C-alpha atoms as a PDB file:
ATOM      1  CA  MET A   1       0.040  -0.063  -0.076  1.00  0.00           C
ATOM      2  CA  ILE A   2       2.928   2.309  -0.978  1.00  0.00           C
ATOM      3  CA  ILE A   3       2.160   5.140  -2.698  1.00  0.00           C
ATOM      4  CA  VAL A   4       5.192   5.492  -5.101  1.00  0.00           C
ATOM      5  CA  LYS A   5       6.062   9.015  -5.779  1.00  0.00           C
ATOM      6  CA  THR A   6       6.987  10.723  -9.291  1.00  0.00           C
ATOM      7  CA  LYS A   7      10.833  11.420  -8.278  1.00  0.00           C
ATOM      8  CA  GLU A   8      11.153   7.927  -6.891  1.00  0.00           C
ATOM      9  CA  ILE A   9       9.694   6.595 -10.257  1.00  0.00           C
ATOM     10  CA  ARG A  10      12.170   8.762 -12.382  1.00  0.00           C
ATOM     11  CA  GLU A  11      15.200   6.909 -10.770  1.00  0.00           C
ATOM     12  CA  LEU A  12      14.184   3.599 -11.862  1.00  0.00           C
ATOM     13  CA  THR A  13      15.248   1.774 -15.170  1.00  0.00           C
ATOM     14  CA  THR A  14      12.512   1.443 -17.919  1.00  0.00           C
ATOM     15  CA  GLU A  15      12.596  -2.380 -17.371  1.00  0.00           C
ATOM     16  CA  GLU A  16      11.850  -2.001 -13.326  1.00  0.00           C
ATOM     17  CA  ILE A  17       9.189   0.395 -14.356  1.00  0.00           C
ATOM     18  CA  ASN A  18       7.802  -2.172 -16.657  1.00  0.00           C
ATOM     19  CA  LYS A  19       7.912  -5.075 -13.814  1.00  0.00           C
ATOM     20  CA  LYS A  20       5.888  -2.894 -11.392  1.00  0.00           C
ATOM     21  CA  ILE A  21       3.515  -2.361 -13.920  1.00  0.00           C
ATOM     22  CA  ALA A  22       2.991  -5.997 -14.417  1.00  0.00           C
ATOM     23  CA  LEU A  23       2.965  -6.375 -10.727  1.00  0.00           C
ATOM     24  CA  ASP A  24       0.518  -3.790 -10.270  1.00  0.00           C
ATOM     25  CA  LYS A  25      -1.919  -4.853 -12.979  1.00  0.00           C
ATOM     26  CA  GLU A  26      -1.675  -8.393 -11.405  1.00  0.00           C
ATOM     27  CA  GLU A  27      -2.881  -7.031  -8.394  1.00  0.00           C
ATOM     28  CA  LEU A  28      -5.708  -4.836  -9.852  1.00  0.00           C
ATOM     29  CA  LEU A  29      -6.772  -8.314 -11.327  1.00  0.00           C
ATOM     30  CA  LYS A  30      -7.216  -9.766  -7.961  1.00  0.00           C
ATOM     31  CA  LEU A  31      -8.836  -6.838  -6.607  1.00  0.00           C
ATOM     32  CA  ARG A  32     -11.267  -6.829  -9.373  1.00  0.00           C
ATOM     33  CA  MET A  33     -12.286 -10.280  -8.688  1.00  0.00           C
ATOM     34  CA  LYS A  34     -12.773  -9.483  -4.968  1.00  0.00           C
ATOM     35  CA  GLN A  35     -14.672  -6.604  -5.908  1.00  0.00           C
ATOM     36  CA  ALA A  36     -17.421  -8.807  -8.048  1.00  0.00           C
ATOM     37  CA  THR A  37     -17.570 -11.437  -5.113  1.00  0.00           C
ATOM     38  CA  GLY A  38     -18.104  -8.712  -2.888  1.00  0.00           C
ATOM     39  CA  SER A  39     -15.370  -9.465  -0.600  1.00  0.00           C
ATOM     40  CA  LEU A  40     -13.230  -6.240  -1.207  1.00  0.00           C
ATOM     41  CA  GLU A  41     -11.881  -4.810   1.961  1.00  0.00           C
ATOM     42  CA  ASN A  42     -10.401  -1.343   0.642  1.00  0.00           C
ATOM     43  CA  PRO A  43     -12.256  -0.180  -2.761  1.00  0.00           C
ATOM     44  CA  ALA A  44      -9.831   2.852  -2.595  1.00  0.00           C
ATOM     45  CA  ARG A  45      -6.830   0.509  -3.623  1.00  0.00           C
ATOM     46  CA  LEU A  46      -8.516  -0.067  -6.762  1.00  0.00           C
ATOM     47  CA  ARG A  47      -8.284   3.715  -7.496  1.00  0.00           C
ATOM     48  CA  GLU A  48      -4.477   4.032  -6.182  1.00  0.00           C
ATOM     49  CA  LEU A  49      -3.229   1.306  -8.373  1.00  0.00           C
ATOM     50  CA  ARG A  50      -4.831   2.620 -11.227  1.00  0.00           C
ATOM     51  CA  LYS A  51      -3.293   6.203 -10.751  1.00  0.00           C
ATOM     52  CA  GLU A  52       0.397   4.567 -10.209  1.00  0.00           C
ATOM     53  CA  VAL A  53      -0.139   2.408 -13.228  1.00  0.00           C
ATOM     54  CA  ALA A  54      -0.722   5.781 -15.219  1.00  0.00           C
ATOM     55  CA  ARG A  55       2.129   7.379 -13.594  1.00  0.00           C
ATOM     56  CA  PHE A  56       4.608   4.537 -14.554  1.00  0.00           C
ATOM     57  CA  LYS A  57       3.405   4.712 -17.934  1.00  0.00           C
ATOM     58  CA  THR A  58       3.579   8.620 -18.095  1.00  0.00           C
ATOM     59  CA  ILE A  59       7.386   8.191 -17.307  1.00  0.00           C
ATOM     60  CA  ILE A  60       7.944   5.780 -19.649  1.00  0.00           C
ATOM     61  CA  ARG A  61       6.087   7.769 -22.510  1.00  0.00           C
ATOM     62  CA  GLU A  62       8.343  10.917 -21.331  1.00  0.00           C
ATOM     63  CA  ARG A  63      11.176   8.974 -21.803  1.00  0.00           C
ATOM     64  CA  GLU A  64      10.311   7.817 -25.246  1.00  0.00           C
ATOM     65  CA  LEU A  65       9.487  11.153 -26.407  1.00  0.00           C
ATOM     66  CA  GLU A  66      12.834  12.716 -25.089  1.00  0.00           C
ATOM     67  CA  LYS A  67      14.692   9.908 -27.172  1.00  0.00           C
ATOM     68  CA  VAL A  68      12.876  10.999 -30.637  1.00  0.00           C
ATOM     69  CA  GLU A  69      13.735  14.644 -29.757  1.00  0.00           C
ATOM     70  CA  GLY A  70      17.155  14.283 -29.329  1.00  0.00           C
END
């Protein structure tokens, strides 16, 4: 349940970020299943994970654009 700060994400390599995205997506899937069965204890965690994945993807996209621009 640790919220990752953008500064910390920027210090990671792209490969590490991709691994974290995969882990978060896996956790999201598990939480969605719990939500569907009605046993989800912390629904706010779904939103946190979605935002965290978005942060990771934003940093990756910024890096891609930097490579293209120079």
